[in-house]
Amino acid sequence: MEKIVEQGLLYDFYGELLTEHQRRIYEDAVMNDMSLSEIAQEAGISRQGVHDLIKRCDKTLEEYESRLHLMEKFRNITEKLEEIKRQASEEAVIRLADEILEEL
């Protein structure tokens, strides 16, 4: 389950950098939970071709994250916002807001 969530987040951040063909296949596999056989039949390629394309997309999306760190920054900001919600004192809010601004 965690891998699917991770793939979905990576796709949300970097999916537009994939080709239209890659996006369509990747969305069918990850977002629409279609089997490799279903995707292969729909796309007119082999099941192995679908498998290889998904693996290449995973690697490409992970490489984008390793260079750009957008998902990591998103998670850090989300954690700090959760902390703001828990704290509720002015001093703590100012400190956390400053940390968020530094990351942006």
Protein backbone atom coordinates (compact mmCIF):
# COMPACT_ATOMS: atom_id res chain seq x y z
CA MET A 1 0.00 0.00 0.00
CA GLU A 2 2.78 2.42 0.93
CA LYS A 3 4.47 1.92 -2.46
CA ILE A 4 1.25 2.83 -4.27
CA VAL A 5 0.90 5.98 -2.17
CA GLU A 6 4.53 6.85 -2.90
CA GLN A 7 4.00 6.27 -6.64
CA GLY A 8 0.88 8.42 -6.56
CA LEU A 9 2.68 11.29 -4.86
CA LEU A 10 5.63 11.10 -7.22
CA TYR A 11 3.20 11.13 -10.13
CA ASP A 12 1.35 14.13 -8.68
CA PHE A 13 4.59 16.10 -8.49
CA TYR A 14 6.37 14.98 -11.64
CA GLY A 15 3.85 13.19 -13.86
CA GLU A 16 3.61 16.08 -16.30
CA LEU A 17 7.27 15.50 -17.15
CA LEU A 18 6.47 12.06 -18.60
CA THR A 19 5.38 11.62 -22.20
CA GLU A 20 1.66 11.31 -22.96
CA HIS A 21 2.10 7.57 -23.64
CA GLN A 22 3.98 7.05 -20.36
CA ARG A 23 1.36 9.02 -18.42
CA ARG A 24 -1.51 7.02 -19.88
CA ILE A 25 0.10 3.64 -19.09
CA TYR A 26 1.30 4.75 -15.64
CA GLU A 27 -2.10 6.17 -14.70
CA ASP A 28 -3.81 2.95 -15.75
CA ALA A 29 -1.43 0.89 -13.61
CA VAL A 30 -1.13 3.10 -10.53
CA MET A 31 -4.26 5.24 -10.41
CA ASN A 32 -6.78 2.96 -12.11
CA ASP A 33 -5.36 -0.30 -10.69
CA MET A 34 -5.55 -2.07 -14.04
CA SER A 35 -3.62 -5.30 -14.59
CA LEU A 36 -0.64 -5.43 -16.90
CA SER A 37 -2.63 -7.63 -19.28
CA GLU A 38 -5.53 -5.18 -19.40
CA ILE A 39 -3.20 -2.27 -20.08
CA ALA A 40 -1.27 -4.25 -22.71
CA GLN A 41 -4.46 -5.15 -24.56
CA GLU A 42 -5.75 -1.58 -24.44
CA ALA A 43 -2.41 -0.05 -25.52
CA GLY A 44 -1.62 -2.67 -28.14
CA ILE A 45 1.72 -3.64 -26.62
CA SER A 46 3.01 -6.71 -24.81
CA ARG A 47 2.51 -7.32 -21.10
CA GLN A 48 6.32 -7.25 -20.71
CA GLY A 49 6.40 -3.90 -22.52
CA VAL A 50 3.90 -2.49 -20.03
CA HIS A 51 5.91 -3.85 -17.11
CA ASP A 52 9.15 -2.36 -18.44
CA LEU A 53 7.52 1.01 -19.12
CA ILE A 54 6.10 1.20 -15.59
CA LYS A 55 9.51 0.36 -14.11
CA ARG A 56 11.17 3.03 -16.28
CA CYS A 57 8.55 5.57 -15.21
CA ASP A 58 9.11 4.69 -11.53
CA LYS A 59 12.84 5.18 -11.97
CA THR A 60 12.37 8.45 -13.86
CA LEU A 61 10.01 9.87 -11.23
CA GLU A 62 12.38 8.84 -8.43
CA GLU A 63 15.28 10.53 -10.25
CA TYR A 64 13.28 13.75 -10.52
CA GLU A 65 12.63 13.61 -6.77
CA SER A 66 16.29 12.91 -6.00
CA ARG A 67 17.23 16.06 -7.92
CA LEU A 68 14.37 18.42 -7.09
CA HIS A 69 13.17 17.21 -3.66
CA LEU A 70 9.66 18.65 -4.14
CA MET A 71 7.94 15.76 -2.39
CA GLU A 72 10.39 15.92 0.52
CA LYS A 73 9.78 19.66 0.89
CA PHE A 74 6.03 19.08 0.71
CA ARG A 75 6.22 16.51 3.51
CA ASN A 76 8.39 18.78 5.66
CA ILE A 77 5.98 21.69 5.22
CA THR A 78 3.01 19.44 5.98
CA GLU A 79 4.66 18.23 9.19
CA LYS A 80 5.36 21.79 10.29
CA LEU A 81 1.81 22.86 9.56
CA GLU A 82 0.55 19.94 11.67
CA GLU A 83 2.84 21.14 14.45
CA ILE A 84 1.38 24.65 14.14
CA LYS A 85 -2.08 23.21 14.58
CA ARG A 86 -0.96 21.31 17.71
CA GLN A 87 0.89 24.20 19.33
CA ALA A 88 -1.46 27.20 19.28
CA SER A 89 0.80 29.65 21.15
CA GLU A 90 1.97 32.81 19.41
CA GLU A 91 5.68 32.17 19.91
CA ALA A 92 5.54 28.69 18.52
CA VAL A 93 3.45 29.80 15.56
CA ILE A 94 5.96 32.53 14.67
CA ARG A 95 8.91 30.13 14.94
CA LEU A 96 7.29 27.47 12.79
CA ALA A 97 6.08 30.02 10.25
CA ASP A 98 9.67 31.28 9.92
CA GLU A 99 10.88 27.71 9.32
CA ILE A 100 8.25 27.23 6.60
CA LEU A 101 9.22 30.47 4.92
CA GLU A 102 12.89 29.48 4.92
CA GLU A 103 12.04 26.22 3.14
CA LEU A 104 10.05 27.98 0.45
